[in-house]
Amino acid sequence: MIDQLTKRLPDETERLATIVVDAGFKVHKTLGPGLLESDYEHCLAYEFAKRGLVVKRQVPQPITDDGTTLEAGYRIDMLVNGVIVVEVKAVEATTPIHIAQC
């Protein structure tokens, strides 16, 4: 696992990540705190699209157990350009359960 974390991302993924983070800061600065996660997700999707990114929202994410794929109701909040997963949170601070969700 550590080896995966220390590997450099492809340049295109780095470029996309920079755009995603910048868009996230813009939405946060514009809207401020206190809205629902769905509101931030909607605005982020709009901001990503303005920047030429392809975004899919609420993408089903099955789990695999013992070689069997199970539809467990999990969803990726946002999948950007098929590469970057965005988990939208509207909380004051992240906790271990938020990390586990990712």
Protein backbone atom coordinates (compact mmCIF):
# COMPACT_ATOMS: atom_id res chain seq x y z
CA MET A 1 0.00 0.00 0.00
CA ILE A 2 2.79 2.44 0.86
CA ASP A 3 4.38 1.91 -2.56
CA GLN A 4 1.11 2.96 -4.20
CA LEU A 5 1.00 6.14 -2.12
CA THR A 6 4.54 7.20 -3.00
CA LYS A 7 4.25 6.66 -6.76
CA ARG A 8 3.94 9.79 -8.84
CA LEU A 9 0.62 10.28 -10.56
CA PRO A 10 0.54 10.63 -14.33
CA ASP A 11 0.91 14.26 -15.43
CA GLU A 12 -2.65 14.36 -16.81
CA THR A 13 -4.08 13.14 -13.49
CA GLU A 14 -2.04 15.80 -11.66
CA ARG A 15 -3.40 18.44 -14.03
CA LEU A 16 -6.97 17.28 -13.49
CA ALA A 17 -6.49 17.12 -9.71
CA THR A 18 -5.27 20.73 -9.70
CA ILE A 19 -8.40 21.82 -11.59
CA VAL A 20 -10.66 19.82 -9.25
CA VAL A 21 -9.10 21.29 -6.11
CA ASP A 22 -9.21 24.82 -7.53
CA ALA A 23 -12.89 24.40 -8.44
CA GLY A 24 -13.61 23.07 -4.95
CA PHE A 25 -12.01 26.11 -3.33
CA LYS A 26 -13.99 28.41 -5.64
CA VAL A 27 -17.29 26.76 -4.74
CA HIS A 28 -16.44 26.82 -1.03
CA LYS A 29 -15.41 30.48 -1.17
CA THR A 30 -18.51 31.45 -3.13
CA LEU A 31 -21.11 29.48 -1.14
CA GLY A 32 -19.52 29.34 2.30
CA PRO A 33 -20.47 26.78 4.94
CA GLY A 34 -23.87 25.50 5.98
CA LEU A 35 -25.40 24.02 2.82
CA LEU A 36 -26.34 20.42 2.18
CA GLU A 37 -23.84 18.09 0.53
CA SER A 38 -26.19 17.78 -2.44
CA ASP A 39 -26.07 21.57 -2.93
CA TYR A 40 -22.27 21.58 -3.00
CA GLU A 41 -22.28 18.56 -5.32
CA HIS A 42 -24.60 20.30 -7.76
CA CYS A 43 -22.48 23.47 -7.76
CA LEU A 44 -19.24 21.51 -8.08
CA ALA A 45 -20.61 19.63 -11.08
CA TYR A 46 -21.47 22.94 -12.71
CA GLU A 47 -18.01 24.35 -11.94
CA PHE A 48 -16.28 21.25 -13.30
CA ALA A 49 -18.32 21.44 -16.50
CA LYS A 50 -17.42 25.13 -16.91
CA ARG A 51 -13.78 24.06 -16.79
CA GLY A 52 -14.27 21.45 -19.49
CA LEU A 53 -14.27 18.40 -17.25
CA VAL A 54 -16.60 15.43 -17.66
CA VAL A 55 -18.37 14.63 -14.41
CA LYS A 56 -20.68 11.78 -13.47
CA ARG A 57 -22.67 12.06 -10.27
CA GLN A 58 -23.85 9.34 -7.90
CA VAL A 59 -22.07 6.56 -9.77
CA PRO A 60 -23.01 3.07 -8.48
CA GLN A 61 -20.05 1.31 -6.88
CA PRO A 62 -20.48 -2.41 -6.25
CA ILE A 63 -18.30 -4.30 -3.80
CA THR A 64 -16.58 -7.60 -4.46
CA ASP A 65 -16.58 -10.34 -1.85
CA ASP A 66 -15.07 -13.75 -2.44
CA GLY A 67 -15.03 -13.14 -6.19
CA THR A 68 -18.70 -12.15 -6.29
CA THR A 69 -19.81 -8.65 -7.25
CA LEU A 70 -22.51 -7.32 -4.93
CA GLU A 71 -24.67 -4.28 -5.49
CA ALA A 72 -24.60 -2.88 -1.98
CA GLY A 73 -26.00 0.57 -2.65
CA TYR A 74 -22.67 2.37 -2.50
CA ARG A 75 -22.28 5.41 -4.72
CA ILE A 76 -19.37 7.60 -5.73
CA ASP A 77 -20.47 11.21 -5.24
CA MET A 78 -18.61 12.42 -8.32
CA LEU A 79 -16.32 10.80 -10.87
CA VAL A 80 -14.32 13.35 -12.84
CA ASN A 81 -12.98 12.42 -16.28
CA GLY A 82 -13.25 8.78 -15.25
CA VAL A 83 -10.15 9.18 -13.08
CA ILE A 84 -10.75 11.28 -9.96
CA VAL A 85 -13.26 10.40 -7.25
CA VAL A 86 -14.71 13.35 -5.34
CA GLU A 87 -16.42 12.57 -2.05
CA VAL A 88 -18.42 15.65 -1.05
CA LYS A 89 -18.58 16.43 2.66
CA ALA A 90 -20.35 19.29 4.40
CA VAL A 91 -18.94 18.87 7.90
CA GLU A 92 -16.93 21.02 10.25
CA ALA A 93 -14.14 18.43 10.47
CA THR A 94 -13.47 15.04 8.95
CA THR A 95 -13.46 11.97 11.13
CA PRO A 96 -12.21 8.40 10.59
CA ILE A 97 -15.66 7.38 9.31
CA HIS A 98 -15.37 9.95 6.52
CA ILE A 99 -12.02 8.49 5.52
CA ALA A 100 -13.52 4.98 5.60
CA GLN A 101 -16.29 6.09 3.24
CA CYS A 102 -13.67 7.01 0.66
